[in-house]
C-alpha cells in the first residue's frame, strides 16, 4: 500500500511526525492535541489559498495577488456589513465574489492577453491592495483599528467548534476535498495537467487552454476571498493589510508540497501536508522560545531547499545515484580482493 503513496508525500508525513516528536520533547505542551488543532487557525488562510494556487502553478502560471485579495475581501466584508448595514451572510457572499472577480481579471489578462503571469499578478497585488486602502479611506474608517463590531455568529465561523473539532480544522478538510476532487477526479483537473505539461499539445488535442487557465485563476481568487472572510472572523476586525505577510508561506506550501514551478506536476495532498508541516513548525518554534524573525528565516530556508531539491533535473539525480552506486560497488570489490 505504501508503494501507491508518492515518495515526497510520504516524506512530508514522516517530517510532520518527527516535528511533533522533537517539539514535544522541547516543550511537552506541544503534544496537547487541543493546542495542535486550534493552531490550524494560524495557517488556515495559507492552506486554503495554497490548495488553489497549486492548480494555477500546475497550469504553468503563478498567482501572488492572493495576499492582497485577502485584505480587499476583508474590507468589503466589513464595509458592507458594518457600514452599509447589509446582512452579514450577503456581505460574505459579495466579498467572496469580489475575490473571484479579481481572479477573473488576472486570468483573462494572462490567458487571452498573453501577458506573463508574474507581471499581471504582481500588478494585481498592488492594485487590489490599493483599492482596499482607498475603500477604507473613503468610508472614514481608521486604517489602524479596522472595522469591528461583528456579530457572534460571524466570529464563530473561525472560532467555533462542531462535534468537538475546531471549525478551522473542518474548513481545512472541506477546502482540501473540494480542491482534491477538482484536480484529481474531474476532467477539468486532467486538462489542468495537460495544459501545464504542454499548452500547445493540449490545444491540438481540443482543450480550450485559455478557459482552463482563466478558471484556475478564478478559483485562486475565490479561495483568497474565502481566506479573507475566515481571517476577518478569526481576528474580529476587517483590515486592508491582512495577508500582507502570507506571500512566502503560500509559495512555500505549494512548492514544498511537490508542485513543480515549471508546471505539469503536483497535487493538493502534498500542499495540505506542507501546510501542516509549516504550521506546526511555526507553533513549535514559538513554544521553544524562538524569536519571530527566526521563524520567518526557517520558512525561507524551507522554500529554498524545496525549490532546489524539486527543481533538480531528474537525469542529474539519476546520474548522481548511479555514480554513488558505482563507487559503493567498487569499494565492495576492493574489500573482496583484499
C-alpha atoms as a PDB file:
ATOM      1  CA  UNK A   1       0.000   0.000   0.000  1.00  0.00           C
ATOM      2  CA  UNK A   2       2.881   2.372   0.783  1.00  0.00           C
ATOM      3  CA  UNK A   3       4.094   1.887  -2.794  1.00  0.00           C
ATOM      4  CA  UNK A   4       0.975   3.707  -4.018  1.00  0.00           C
ATOM      5  CA  UNK A   5       1.784   6.798  -1.949  1.00  0.00           C
ATOM      6  CA  UNK A   6       4.094   9.318  -3.711  1.00  0.00           C
ATOM      7  CA  UNK A   7       7.503   9.269  -2.037  1.00  0.00           C
ATOM      8  CA  UNK A   8       7.514  13.020  -1.496  1.00  0.00           C
ATOM      9  CA  UNK A   9       4.144  12.953   0.295  1.00  0.00           C
ATOM     10  CA  UNK A  10       5.381  10.098   2.471  1.00  0.00           C
ATOM     11  CA  UNK A  11       8.494  12.130   3.255  1.00  0.00           C
ATOM     12  CA  UNK A  12       6.363  15.106   4.301  1.00  0.00           C
ATOM     13  CA  UNK A  13       4.247  12.881   6.551  1.00  0.00           C
ATOM     14  CA  UNK A  14       7.375  11.463   8.226  1.00  0.00           C
ATOM     15  CA  UNK A  15       8.696  15.020   8.724  1.00  0.00           C
ATOM     16  CA  UNK A  16       5.422  16.008  10.428  1.00  0.00           C
ATOM     17  CA  UNK A  17       5.725  13.038  12.795  1.00  0.00           C
ATOM     18  CA  UNK A  18       9.376  13.891  13.559  1.00  0.00           C
ATOM     19  CA  UNK A  19       8.357  17.512  14.080  1.00  0.00           C
ATOM     20  CA  UNK A  20       5.727  16.504  16.638  1.00  0.00           C
ATOM     21  CA  UNK A  21       8.219  14.265  18.467  1.00  0.00           C
ATOM     22  CA  UNK A  22      11.065  16.810  18.548  1.00  0.00           C
ATOM     23  CA  UNK A  23       8.999  19.875  19.503  1.00  0.00           C
ATOM     24  CA  UNK A  24       7.122  17.774  22.081  1.00  0.00           C
ATOM     25  CA  UNK A  25      10.431  16.831  23.696  1.00  0.00           C
ATOM     26  CA  UNK A  26      11.414  20.504  23.824  1.00  0.00           C
ATOM     27  CA  UNK A  27       8.046  21.596  25.212  1.00  0.00           C
ATOM     28  CA  UNK A  28       5.577  18.864  26.280  1.00  0.00           C
ATOM     29  CA  UNK A  29       2.663  21.275  25.725  1.00  0.00           C
ATOM     30  CA  UNK A  30       3.186  20.718  22.010  1.00  0.00           C
ATOM     31  CA  UNK A  31       1.788  17.194  22.481  1.00  0.00           C
ATOM     32  CA  UNK A  32      -1.527  18.678  23.623  1.00  0.00           C
ATOM     33  CA  UNK A  33      -3.955  17.705  20.834  1.00  0.00           C
ATOM     34  CA  UNK A  34      -6.216  20.685  21.588  1.00  0.00           C
ATOM     35  CA  UNK A  35      -3.342  23.120  21.042  1.00  0.00           C
ATOM     36  CA  UNK A  36      -2.373  21.487  17.755  1.00  0.00           C
ATOM     37  CA  UNK A  37      -5.940  21.502  16.451  1.00  0.00           C
ATOM     38  CA  UNK A  38      -6.507  25.124  17.475  1.00  0.00           C
ATOM     39  CA  UNK A  39      -3.266  26.082  15.715  1.00  0.00           C
ATOM     40  CA  UNK A  40      -4.970  25.391  12.364  1.00  0.00           C
ATOM     41  CA  UNK A  41      -6.425  28.896  12.525  1.00  0.00           C
ATOM     42  CA  UNK A  42      -2.905  30.301  12.303  1.00  0.00           C
ATOM     43  CA  UNK A  43      -2.223  28.760   8.896  1.00  0.00           C
ATOM     44  CA  UNK A  44      -5.731  28.064   7.570  1.00  0.00           C
ATOM     45  CA  UNK A  45      -5.742  31.057   5.192  1.00  0.00           C
ATOM     46  CA  UNK A  46      -2.337  29.999   3.814  1.00  0.00           C
ATOM     47  CA  UNK A  47      -3.558  26.446   3.224  1.00  0.00           C
ATOM     48  CA  UNK A  48      -6.829  27.479   1.554  1.00  0.00           C
ATOM     49  CA  UNK A  49      -5.077  29.719  -0.967  1.00  0.00           C
ATOM     50  CA  UNK A  50      -2.256  27.200  -1.338  1.00  0.00           C
ATOM     51  CA  UNK A  51      -4.685  24.477  -2.475  1.00  0.00           C
ATOM     52  CA  UNK A  52      -5.852  26.540  -5.434  1.00  0.00           C
ATOM     53  CA  UNK A  53      -2.574  28.283  -6.215  1.00  0.00           C
ATOM     54  CA  UNK A  54      -1.344  24.703  -6.672  1.00  0.00           C
ATOM     55  CA  UNK A  55      -3.814  24.366  -9.551  1.00  0.00           C
ATOM     56  CA  UNK A  56      -2.559  27.633 -11.048  1.00  0.00           C
ATOM     57  CA  UNK A  57       1.079  26.554 -10.802  1.00  0.00           C
ATOM     58  CA  UNK A  58       0.320  23.177 -12.404  1.00  0.00           C
ATOM     59  CA  UNK A  59      -1.042  25.048 -15.453  1.00  0.00           C
ATOM     60  CA  UNK A  60       2.372  26.700 -15.710  1.00  0.00           C
ATOM     61  CA  UNK A  61       1.371  30.005 -14.105  1.00  0.00           C
ATOM     62  CA  UNK A  62       1.801  31.778 -10.786  1.00  0.00           C
ATOM     63  CA  UNK A  63      -0.510  33.869  -8.615  1.00  0.00           C
ATOM     64  CA  UNK A  64       0.913  36.190  -5.988  1.00  0.00           C
ATOM     65  CA  UNK A  65      -2.076  38.548  -5.856  1.00  0.00           C
ATOM     66  CA  UNK A  66      -3.968  36.428  -3.318  1.00  0.00           C
ATOM     67  CA  UNK A  67      -2.240  38.157  -0.405  1.00  0.00           C
ATOM     68  CA  UNK A  68      -3.871  41.465  -1.434  1.00  0.00           C
ATOM     69  CA  UNK A  69      -7.235  39.891  -2.260  1.00  0.00           C
ATOM     70  CA  UNK A  70      -7.359  38.747   1.375  1.00  0.00           C
ATOM     71  CA  UNK A  71      -7.219  42.366   2.576  1.00  0.00           C
ATOM     72  CA  UNK A  72      -9.664  43.561  -0.084  1.00  0.00           C
ATOM     73  CA  UNK A  73     -12.293  40.930   0.731  1.00  0.00           C
ATOM     74  CA  UNK A  74     -11.841  41.581   4.438  1.00  0.00           C
ATOM     75  CA  UNK A  75     -12.561  45.286   3.886  1.00  0.00           C
ATOM     76  CA  UNK A  76     -15.537  44.516   1.613  1.00  0.00           C
ATOM     77  CA  UNK A  77     -16.994  42.242   4.306  1.00  0.00           C
ATOM     78  CA  UNK A  78     -16.585  44.916   6.954  1.00  0.00           C
ATOM     79  CA  UNK A  79     -17.889  47.828   4.873  1.00  0.00           C
ATOM     80  CA  UNK A  80     -20.966  46.025   3.577  1.00  0.00           C
ATOM     81  CA  UNK A  81     -22.000  44.560   6.940  1.00  0.00           C
ATOM     82  CA  UNK A  82     -20.879  47.179   9.470  1.00  0.00           C
ATOM     83  CA  UNK A  83     -21.010  50.425   7.479  1.00  0.00           C
ATOM     84  CA  UNK A  84     -23.658  49.806   4.810  1.00  0.00           C
ATOM     85  CA  UNK A  85     -25.766  47.656   7.161  1.00  0.00           C
ATOM     86  CA  UNK A  86     -26.106  44.731   4.746  1.00  0.00           C
ATOM     87  CA  UNK A  87     -26.848  41.254   6.084  1.00  0.00           C
ATOM     88  CA  UNK A  88     -23.588  39.588   7.173  1.00  0.00           C
ATOM     89  CA  UNK A  89     -24.117  36.473   5.055  1.00  0.00           C
ATOM     90  CA  UNK A  90     -24.884  38.541   1.959  1.00  0.00           C
ATOM     91  CA  UNK A  91     -21.766  40.572   2.722  1.00  0.00           C
ATOM     92  CA  UNK A  92     -19.703  37.396   2.928  1.00  0.00           C
ATOM     93  CA  UNK A  93     -21.024  36.210  -0.434  1.00  0.00           C
ATOM     94  CA  UNK A  94     -20.249  39.585  -2.036  1.00  0.00           C
ATOM     95  CA  UNK A  95     -16.737  39.536  -0.574  1.00  0.00           C
ATOM     96  CA  UNK A  96     -16.010  36.047  -1.920  1.00  0.00           C
ATOM     97  CA  UNK A  97     -17.392  37.022  -5.339  1.00  0.00           C
ATOM     98  CA  UNK A  98     -15.112  40.075  -5.243  1.00  0.00           C
ATOM     99  CA  UNK A  99     -12.172  37.699  -4.860  1.00  0.00           C
ATOM    100  CA  UNK A 100     -13.484  35.686  -7.805  1.00  0.00           C
ATOM    101  CA  UNK A 101     -13.724  38.835  -9.965  1.00  0.00           C
ATOM    102  CA  UNK A 102     -10.123  39.697  -9.112  1.00  0.00           C
ATOM    103  CA  UNK A 103      -9.099  36.194 -10.166  1.00  0.00           C
ATOM    104  CA  UNK A 104     -11.154  36.536 -13.359  1.00  0.00           C
ATOM    105  CA  UNK A 105      -9.346  39.762 -14.250  1.00  0.00           C
ATOM    106  CA  UNK A 106      -5.989  38.056 -13.677  1.00  0.00           C
ATOM    107  CA  UNK A 107      -6.987  35.016 -15.717  1.00  0.00           C
ATOM    108  CA  UNK A 108      -8.381  36.932 -18.704  1.00  0.00           C
ATOM    109  CA  UNK A 109      -5.300  39.148 -18.976  1.00  0.00           C
ATOM    110  CA  UNK A 110      -2.966  36.161 -18.684  1.00  0.00           C
ATOM    111  CA  UNK A 111      -4.830  33.663 -20.877  1.00  0.00           C
ATOM    112  CA  UNK A 112      -6.323  35.956 -23.527  1.00  0.00           C
ATOM    113  CA  UNK A 113      -3.955  38.924 -23.279  1.00  0.00           C
ATOM    114  CA  UNK A 114      -0.897  36.629 -23.325  1.00  0.00           C
ATOM    115  CA  UNK A 115       0.823  38.665 -20.603  1.00  0.00           C
ATOM    116  CA  UNK A 116       3.243  36.935 -18.218  1.00  0.00           C
ATOM    117  CA  UNK A 117       1.509  35.667 -15.084  1.00  0.00           C
ATOM    118  CA  UNK A 118       4.123  37.159 -12.755  1.00  0.00           C
ATOM    119  CA  UNK A 119       3.633  40.634 -14.241  1.00  0.00           C
ATOM    120  CA  UNK A 120      -0.162  40.504 -14.072  1.00  0.00           C
ATOM    121  CA  UNK A 121      -0.426  39.064 -10.559  1.00  0.00           C
ATOM    122  CA  UNK A 122       2.265  41.441  -9.261  1.00  0.00           C
ATOM    123  CA  UNK A 123       0.292  44.331 -10.726  1.00  0.00           C
ATOM    124  CA  UNK A 124      -2.875  42.817  -9.310  1.00  0.00           C
ATOM    125  CA  UNK A 125      -1.281  42.559  -5.879  1.00  0.00           C
ATOM    126  CA  UNK A 126      -0.582  46.310  -5.920  1.00  0.00           C
ATOM    127  CA  UNK A 127      -3.961  47.153  -7.472  1.00  0.00           C
ATOM    128  CA  UNK A 128      -6.134  45.165  -5.063  1.00  0.00           C
ATOM    129  CA  UNK A 129      -4.171  46.394  -2.070  1.00  0.00           C
ATOM    130  CA  UNK A 130      -4.609  49.974  -3.287  1.00  0.00           C
ATOM    131  CA  UNK A 131      -8.360  49.511  -3.783  1.00  0.00           C
ATOM    132  CA  UNK A 132      -8.692  48.156  -0.246  1.00  0.00           C
ATOM    133  CA  UNK A 133      -6.842  51.167   1.186  1.00  0.00           C
ATOM    134  CA  UNK A 134      -8.969  53.595  -0.861  1.00  0.00           C
ATOM    135  CA  UNK A 135     -12.197  51.940   0.296  1.00  0.00           C
ATOM    136  CA  UNK A 136     -11.120  52.267   3.918  1.00  0.00           C
ATOM    137  CA  UNK A 137     -10.189  55.920   3.392  1.00  0.00           C
ATOM    138  CA  UNK A 138     -13.436  56.822   1.652  1.00  0.00           C
ATOM    139  CA  UNK A 139     -15.510  55.231   4.413  1.00  0.00           C
ATOM    140  CA  UNK A 140     -13.686  57.292   7.072  1.00  0.00           C
ATOM    141  CA  UNK A 141     -12.693  54.163   8.980  1.00  0.00           C
ATOM    142  CA  UNK A 142      -9.430  54.049  10.917  1.00  0.00           C
ATOM    143  CA  UNK A 143      -6.867  52.101   8.887  1.00  0.00           C
ATOM    144  CA  UNK A 144      -5.066  51.037  12.054  1.00  0.00           C
ATOM    145  CA  UNK A 145      -8.111  49.928  14.060  1.00  0.00           C
ATOM    146  CA  UNK A 146     -10.013  48.477  11.121  1.00  0.00           C
ATOM    147  CA  UNK A 147     -13.721  47.697  11.090  1.00  0.00           C
ATOM    148  CA  UNK A 148     -15.004  45.819  14.133  1.00  0.00           C
ATOM    149  CA  UNK A 149     -18.316  45.091  15.844  1.00  0.00           C
ATOM    150  CA  UNK A 150     -19.102  41.845  14.034  1.00  0.00           C
ATOM    151  CA  UNK A 151     -21.794  39.539  15.366  1.00  0.00           C
ATOM    152  CA  UNK A 152     -21.075  36.485  17.496  1.00  0.00           C
ATOM    153  CA  UNK A 153     -22.366  34.253  14.711  1.00  0.00           C
ATOM    154  CA  UNK A 154     -19.768  35.644  12.309  1.00  0.00           C
ATOM    155  CA  UNK A 155     -16.898  35.173  14.772  1.00  0.00           C
ATOM    156  CA  UNK A 156     -17.966  31.551  15.269  1.00  0.00           C
ATOM    157  CA  UNK A 157     -17.104  30.784  11.634  1.00  0.00           C
ATOM    158  CA  UNK A 158     -13.426  30.598  12.555  1.00  0.00           C
ATOM    159  CA  UNK A 159     -13.549  30.331  16.329  1.00  0.00           C
ATOM    160  CA  UNK A 160     -16.396  27.881  16.885  1.00  0.00           C
ATOM    161  CA  UNK A 161     -16.475  24.094  17.159  1.00  0.00           C
ATOM    162  CA  UNK A 162     -18.516  21.282  15.659  1.00  0.00           C
ATOM    163  CA  UNK A 163     -18.624  17.779  17.156  1.00  0.00           C
ATOM    164  CA  UNK A 164     -15.597  18.639  19.291  1.00  0.00           C
ATOM    165  CA  UNK A 165     -13.483  19.733  16.332  1.00  0.00           C
ATOM    166  CA  UNK A 166     -12.474  23.377  15.800  1.00  0.00           C
ATOM    167  CA  UNK A 167     -14.179  24.906  12.773  1.00  0.00           C
ATOM    168  CA  UNK A 168     -10.743  25.724  11.362  1.00  0.00           C
ATOM    169  CA  UNK A 169      -9.950  22.018  11.038  1.00  0.00           C
ATOM    170  CA  UNK A 170     -13.326  21.308   9.430  1.00  0.00           C
ATOM    171  CA  UNK A 171     -12.904  24.174   6.937  1.00  0.00           C
ATOM    172  CA  UNK A 172      -9.388  22.915   6.159  1.00  0.00           C
ATOM    173  CA  UNK A 173     -10.753  19.436   5.388  1.00  0.00           C
ATOM    174  CA  UNK A 174     -13.668  20.771   3.298  1.00  0.00           C
ATOM    175  CA  UNK A 175     -11.472  23.057   1.189  1.00  0.00           C
ATOM    176  CA  UNK A 176      -8.933  20.278   0.745  1.00  0.00           C
ATOM    177  CA  UNK A 177     -11.555  17.854  -0.573  1.00  0.00           C
ATOM    178  CA  UNK A 178     -13.002  20.475  -2.937  1.00  0.00           C
ATOM    179  CA  UNK A 179      -9.545  21.150  -4.400  1.00  0.00           C
ATOM    180  CA  UNK A 180      -8.686  17.438  -4.453  1.00  0.00           C
ATOM    181  CA  UNK A 181     -11.851  16.457  -6.328  1.00  0.00           C
ATOM    182  CA  UNK A 182     -11.467  19.298  -8.844  1.00  0.00           C
ATOM    183  CA  UNK A 183      -7.827  18.492  -9.567  1.00  0.00           C
ATOM    184  CA  UNK A 184      -7.698  14.707  -9.269  1.00  0.00           C
ATOM    185  CA  UNK A 185     -11.210  13.453 -10.008  1.00  0.00           C
ATOM    186  CA  UNK A 186     -12.602  15.622 -12.808  1.00  0.00           C
ATOM    187  CA  UNK A 187     -11.997  16.280 -16.488  1.00  0.00           C
ATOM    188  CA  UNK A 188     -11.069  19.843 -15.554  1.00  0.00           C
ATOM    189  CA  UNK A 189      -8.215  18.506 -13.434  1.00  0.00           C
ATOM    190  CA  UNK A 190      -6.908  16.349 -16.278  1.00  0.00           C
ATOM    191  CA  UNK A 191      -6.986  19.362 -18.573  1.00  0.00           C
ATOM    192  CA  UNK A 192      -5.075  21.385 -15.970  1.00  0.00           C
ATOM    193  CA  UNK A 193      -2.232  18.842 -16.016  1.00  0.00           C
ATOM    194  CA  UNK A 194      -2.203  18.613 -19.821  1.00  0.00           C
ATOM    195  CA  UNK A 195      -2.106  22.395 -20.106  1.00  0.00           C
ATOM    196  CA  UNK A 196       0.841  22.564 -17.734  1.00  0.00           C
ATOM    197  CA  UNK A 197       2.761  19.761 -19.460  1.00  0.00           C
ATOM    198  CA  UNK A 198       2.481  21.290 -22.935  1.00  0.00           C
ATOM    199  CA  UNK A 199      -0.012  24.021 -23.724  1.00  0.00           C
ATOM    200  CA  UNK A 200       0.380  23.753 -27.492  1.00  0.00           C
ATOM    201  CA  UNK A 201      -0.176  19.988 -27.456  1.00  0.00           C
ATOM    202  CA  UNK A 202      -3.238  20.478 -25.255  1.00  0.00           C
ATOM    203  CA  UNK A 203      -4.640  22.924 -27.823  1.00  0.00           C
ATOM    204  CA  UNK A 204      -4.150  20.444 -30.651  1.00  0.00           C
ATOM    205  CA  UNK A 205      -5.943  17.841 -28.501  1.00  0.00           C
ATOM    206  CA  UNK A 206      -9.015  20.094 -28.495  1.00  0.00           C
ATOM    207  CA  UNK A 207      -8.617  21.530 -24.990  1.00  0.00           C
ATOM    208  CA  UNK A 208      -9.608  25.173 -24.543  1.00  0.00           C
ATOM    209  CA  UNK A 209      -6.454  26.037 -22.610  1.00  0.00           C
ATOM    210  CA  UNK A 210      -7.389  29.699 -22.280  1.00  0.00           C
ATOM    211  CA  UNK A 211     -10.588  28.786 -20.472  1.00  0.00           C
ATOM    212  CA  UNK A 212      -8.756  26.299 -18.252  1.00  0.00           C
ATOM    213  CA  UNK A 213      -6.130  28.879 -17.274  1.00  0.00           C
ATOM    214  CA  UNK A 214      -8.781  31.528 -16.625  1.00  0.00           C
ATOM    215  CA  UNK A 215     -10.784  29.096 -14.469  1.00  0.00           C
ATOM    216  CA  UNK A 216      -7.667  28.284 -12.435  1.00  0.00           C
ATOM    217  CA  UNK A 217      -7.142  31.966 -11.595  1.00  0.00           C
ATOM    218  CA  UNK A 218     -10.835  32.434 -10.762  1.00  0.00           C
ATOM    219  CA  UNK A 219     -10.594  29.529  -8.300  1.00  0.00           C
ATOM    220  CA  UNK A 220      -7.466  31.085  -6.804  1.00  0.00           C
ATOM    221  CA  UNK A 221      -9.269  34.417  -6.397  1.00  0.00           C
ATOM    222  CA  UNK A 222     -12.306  32.756  -4.808  1.00  0.00           C
ATOM    223  CA  UNK A 223     -10.060  30.894  -2.370  1.00  0.00           C
ATOM    224  CA  UNK A 224      -8.373  34.164  -1.394  1.00  0.00           C
ATOM    225  CA  UNK A 225     -11.828  35.659  -0.840  1.00  0.00           C
ATOM    226  CA  UNK A 226     -12.777  32.769   1.448  1.00  0.00           C
ATOM    227  CA  UNK A 227      -9.460  33.144   3.286  1.00  0.00           C
ATOM    228  CA  UNK A 228     -10.114  36.870   3.753  1.00  0.00           C
ATOM    229  CA  UNK A 229     -13.545  36.225   5.274  1.00  0.00           C
ATOM    230  CA  UNK A 230     -12.219  33.500   7.597  1.00  0.00           C
ATOM    231  CA  UNK A 231      -9.284  35.655   8.703  1.00  0.00           C
ATOM    232  CA  UNK A 232     -11.664  38.524   9.448  1.00  0.00           C
ATOM    233  CA  UNK A 233     -13.841  36.181  11.501  1.00  0.00           C
ATOM    234  CA  UNK A 234     -10.827  34.829  13.370  1.00  0.00           C
ATOM    235  CA  UNK A 235      -9.323  38.217  14.251  1.00  0.00           C
ATOM    236  CA  UNK A 236     -12.639  40.006  14.832  1.00  0.00           C
ATOM    237  CA  UNK A 237     -11.973  43.008  12.594  1.00  0.00           C
ATOM    238  CA  UNK A 238     -11.619  43.887   8.920  1.00  0.00           C
ATOM    239  CA  UNK A 239      -8.348  45.464   7.764  1.00  0.00           C
ATOM    240  CA  UNK A 240      -6.760  46.143   4.408  1.00  0.00           C
ATOM    241  CA  UNK A 241      -3.332  44.810   5.424  1.00  0.00           C
ATOM    242  CA  UNK A 242      -4.474  41.261   6.222  1.00  0.00           C
ATOM    243  CA  UNK A 243      -2.470  38.703   4.289  1.00  0.00           C
ATOM    244  CA  UNK A 244       0.461  41.016   3.602  1.00  0.00           C
ATOM    245  CA  UNK A 245       2.911  38.578   5.218  1.00  0.00           C
ATOM    246  CA  UNK A 246       1.470  35.444   3.605  1.00  0.00           C
ATOM    247  CA  UNK A 247       3.208  35.550   0.215  1.00  0.00           C
ATOM    248  CA  UNK A 248       6.269  33.494   1.125  1.00  0.00           C
ATOM    249  CA  UNK A 249       4.348  30.930   3.225  1.00  0.00           C
ATOM    250  CA  UNK A 250       1.844  30.352   0.383  1.00  0.00           C
ATOM    251  CA  UNK A 251       4.599  29.773  -2.153  1.00  0.00           C
ATOM    252  CA  UNK A 252       6.411  27.589   0.360  1.00  0.00           C
ATOM    253  CA  UNK A 253       3.493  25.202   0.949  1.00  0.00           C
ATOM    254  CA  UNK A 254       2.861  24.908  -2.796  1.00  0.00           C
ATOM    255  CA  UNK A 255       6.471  24.165  -3.733  1.00  0.00           C
ATOM    256  CA  UNK A 256       7.255  22.172  -0.598  1.00  0.00           C
ATOM    257  CA  UNK A 257       4.161  20.113  -1.370  1.00  0.00           C
ATOM    258  CA  UNK A 258       5.861  18.814  -4.508  1.00  0.00           C
ATOM    259  CA  UNK A 259       4.326  21.050  -7.181  1.00  0.00           C
ATOM    260  CA  UNK A 260       6.853  21.876  -9.896  1.00  0.00           C
ATOM    261  CA  UNK A 261       7.193  25.606 -10.534  1.00  0.00           C
ATOM    262  CA  UNK A 262       7.552  24.770 -14.241  1.00  0.00           C
ATOM    263  CA  UNK A 263       4.039  23.286 -14.264  1.00  0.00           C
ATOM    264  CA  UNK A 264       2.566  19.941 -15.212  1.00  0.00           C
ATOM    265  CA  UNK A 265       3.222  18.126 -11.949  1.00  0.00           C
ATOM    266  CA  UNK A 266       1.985  18.426  -8.390  1.00  0.00           C
ATOM    267  CA  UNK A 267      -1.046  17.843  -6.187  1.00  0.00           C
ATOM    268  CA  UNK A 268      -3.072  19.226  -3.313  1.00  0.00           C
ATOM    269  CA  UNK A 269      -2.258  16.311  -0.984  1.00  0.00           C
ATOM    270  CA  UNK A 270       1.341  17.485  -0.838  1.00  0.00           C
ATOM    271  CA  UNK A 271       0.179  21.075  -0.338  1.00  0.00           C
ATOM    272  CA  UNK A 272      -2.020  20.005   2.585  1.00  0.00           C
ATOM    273  CA  UNK A 273       0.858  18.112   4.233  1.00  0.00           C
ATOM    274  CA  UNK A 274       3.239  21.017   3.630  1.00  0.00           C
ATOM    275  CA  UNK A 275       0.709  23.434   5.187  1.00  0.00           C
ATOM    276  CA  UNK A 276       0.509  21.306   8.335  1.00  0.00           C
ATOM    277  CA  UNK A 277       4.287  20.907   8.392  1.00  0.00           C
ATOM    278  CA  UNK A 278       4.833  24.662   8.114  1.00  0.00           C
ATOM    279  CA  UNK A 279       2.052  25.498  10.580  1.00  0.00           C
ATOM    280  CA  UNK A 280       3.259  23.052  13.223  1.00  0.00           C
ATOM    281  CA  UNK A 281       6.825  24.263  12.715  1.00  0.00           C
ATOM    282  CA  UNK A 282       5.811  27.846  13.461  1.00  0.00           C
ATOM    283  CA  UNK A 283       3.866  26.802  16.565  1.00  0.00           C
ATOM    284  CA  UNK A 284       6.721  24.568  17.745  1.00  0.00           C
ATOM    285  CA  UNK A 285       9.340  27.280  17.294  1.00  0.00           C
ATOM    286  CA  UNK A 286       7.182  29.747  19.224  1.00  0.00           C
ATOM    287  CA  UNK A 287       6.783  27.246  22.075  1.00  0.00           C
ATOM    288  CA  UNK A 288      10.534  26.675  22.001  1.00  0.00           C
ATOM    289  CA  UNK A 289      11.053  30.401  22.604  1.00  0.00           C
ATOM    290  CA  UNK A 290      12.462  31.197  19.158  1.00  0.00           C
ATOM    291  CA  UNK A 291      12.125  34.855  18.120  1.00  0.00           C
ATOM    292  CA  UNK A 292       9.595  35.716  15.392  1.00  0.00           C
ATOM    293  CA  UNK A 293      12.221  36.868  12.879  1.00  0.00           C
ATOM    294  CA  UNK A 294      13.935  33.479  13.034  1.00  0.00           C
ATOM    295  CA  UNK A 295      10.631  31.742  12.338  1.00  0.00           C
ATOM    296  CA  UNK A 296      10.452  33.681   9.079  1.00  0.00           C
ATOM    297  CA  UNK A 297      14.034  32.624   8.390  1.00  0.00           C
ATOM    298  CA  UNK A 298      13.056  28.976   8.826  1.00  0.00           C
ATOM    299  CA  UNK A 299      10.214  29.437   6.322  1.00  0.00           C
ATOM    300  CA  UNK A 300      12.635  30.939   3.819  1.00  0.00           C
ATOM    301  CA  UNK A 301      15.043  28.041   4.245  1.00  0.00           C
ATOM    302  CA  UNK A 302      12.213  25.558   3.643  1.00  0.00           C
ATOM    303  CA  UNK A 303      11.256  27.370   0.430  1.00  0.00           C
ATOM    304  CA  UNK A 304      14.820  27.489  -0.914  1.00  0.00           C
ATOM    305  CA  UNK A 305      15.578  23.859  -0.049  1.00  0.00           C
ATOM    306  CA  UNK A 306      12.343  22.567  -1.567  1.00  0.00           C
ATOM    307  CA  UNK A 307      12.793  24.595  -4.781  1.00  0.00           C
ATOM    308  CA  UNK A 308      16.420  23.470  -5.061  1.00  0.00           C
ATOM    309  CA  UNK A 309      15.609  19.803  -4.479  1.00  0.00           C
ATOM    310  CA  UNK A 310      12.487  19.572  -6.618  1.00  0.00           C
ATOM    311  CA  UNK A 311      13.980  21.740  -9.332  1.00  0.00           C
ATOM    312  CA  UNK A 312      16.955  19.445  -9.914  1.00  0.00           C
ATOM    313  CA  UNK A 313      16.725  17.689 -13.256  1.00  0.00           C
ATOM    314  CA  UNK A 314      15.709  14.016 -12.784  1.00  0.00           C
ATOM    315  CA  UNK A 315      18.529  12.925 -15.124  1.00  0.00           C
ATOM    316  CA  UNK A 316      21.016  14.711 -12.897  1.00  0.00           C
ATOM    317  CA  UNK A 317      19.682  12.912  -9.806  1.00  0.00           C
ATOM    318  CA  UNK A 318      19.824   9.596 -11.679  1.00  0.00           C
ATOM    319  CA  UNK A 319      23.433  10.191 -12.710  1.00  0.00           C
ATOM    320  CA  UNK A 320      24.442  11.128  -9.153  1.00  0.00           C
ATOM    321  CA  UNK A 321      22.756   7.990  -7.798  1.00  0.00           C
ATOM    322  CA  UNK A 322      24.496   5.861 -10.449  1.00  0.00           C
ATOM    323  CA  UNK A 323      27.908   7.339  -9.594  1.00  0.00           C
ATOM    324  CA  UNK A 324      27.371   6.688  -5.873  1.00  0.00           C
ATOM    325  CA  UNK A 325      26.263   3.118  -6.594  1.00  0.00           C
ATOM    326  CA  UNK A 326      29.311   2.509  -8.776  1.00  0.00           C
ATOM    327  CA  UNK A 327      31.645   3.800  -6.063  1.00  0.00           C
ATOM    328  CA  UNK A 328      29.987   1.568  -3.480  1.00  0.00           C
ATOM    329  CA  UNK A 329      30.339  -1.441  -5.779  1.00  0.00           C
ATOM    330  CA  UNK A 330      33.987  -0.621  -6.474  1.00  0.00           C
ATOM    331  CA  UNK A 331      34.624  -0.301  -2.752  1.00  0.00           C
ATOM    332  CA  UNK A 332      32.996  -3.689  -2.175  1.00  0.00           C
ATOM    333  CA  UNK A 333      35.165  -5.313  -4.873  1.00  0.00           C
ATOM    334  CA  UNK A 334      38.340  -3.884  -3.388  1.00  0.00           C
ATOM    335  CA  UNK A 335      37.465  -5.230   0.050  1.00  0.00           C
ATOM    336  CA  UNK A 336      36.737  -8.637  -1.530  1.00  0.00           C
ATOM    337  CA  UNK A 337      40.057  -8.589  -3.422  1.00  0.00           C
ATOM    338  CA  UNK A 338      41.942  -7.774  -0.212  1.00  0.00           C
END
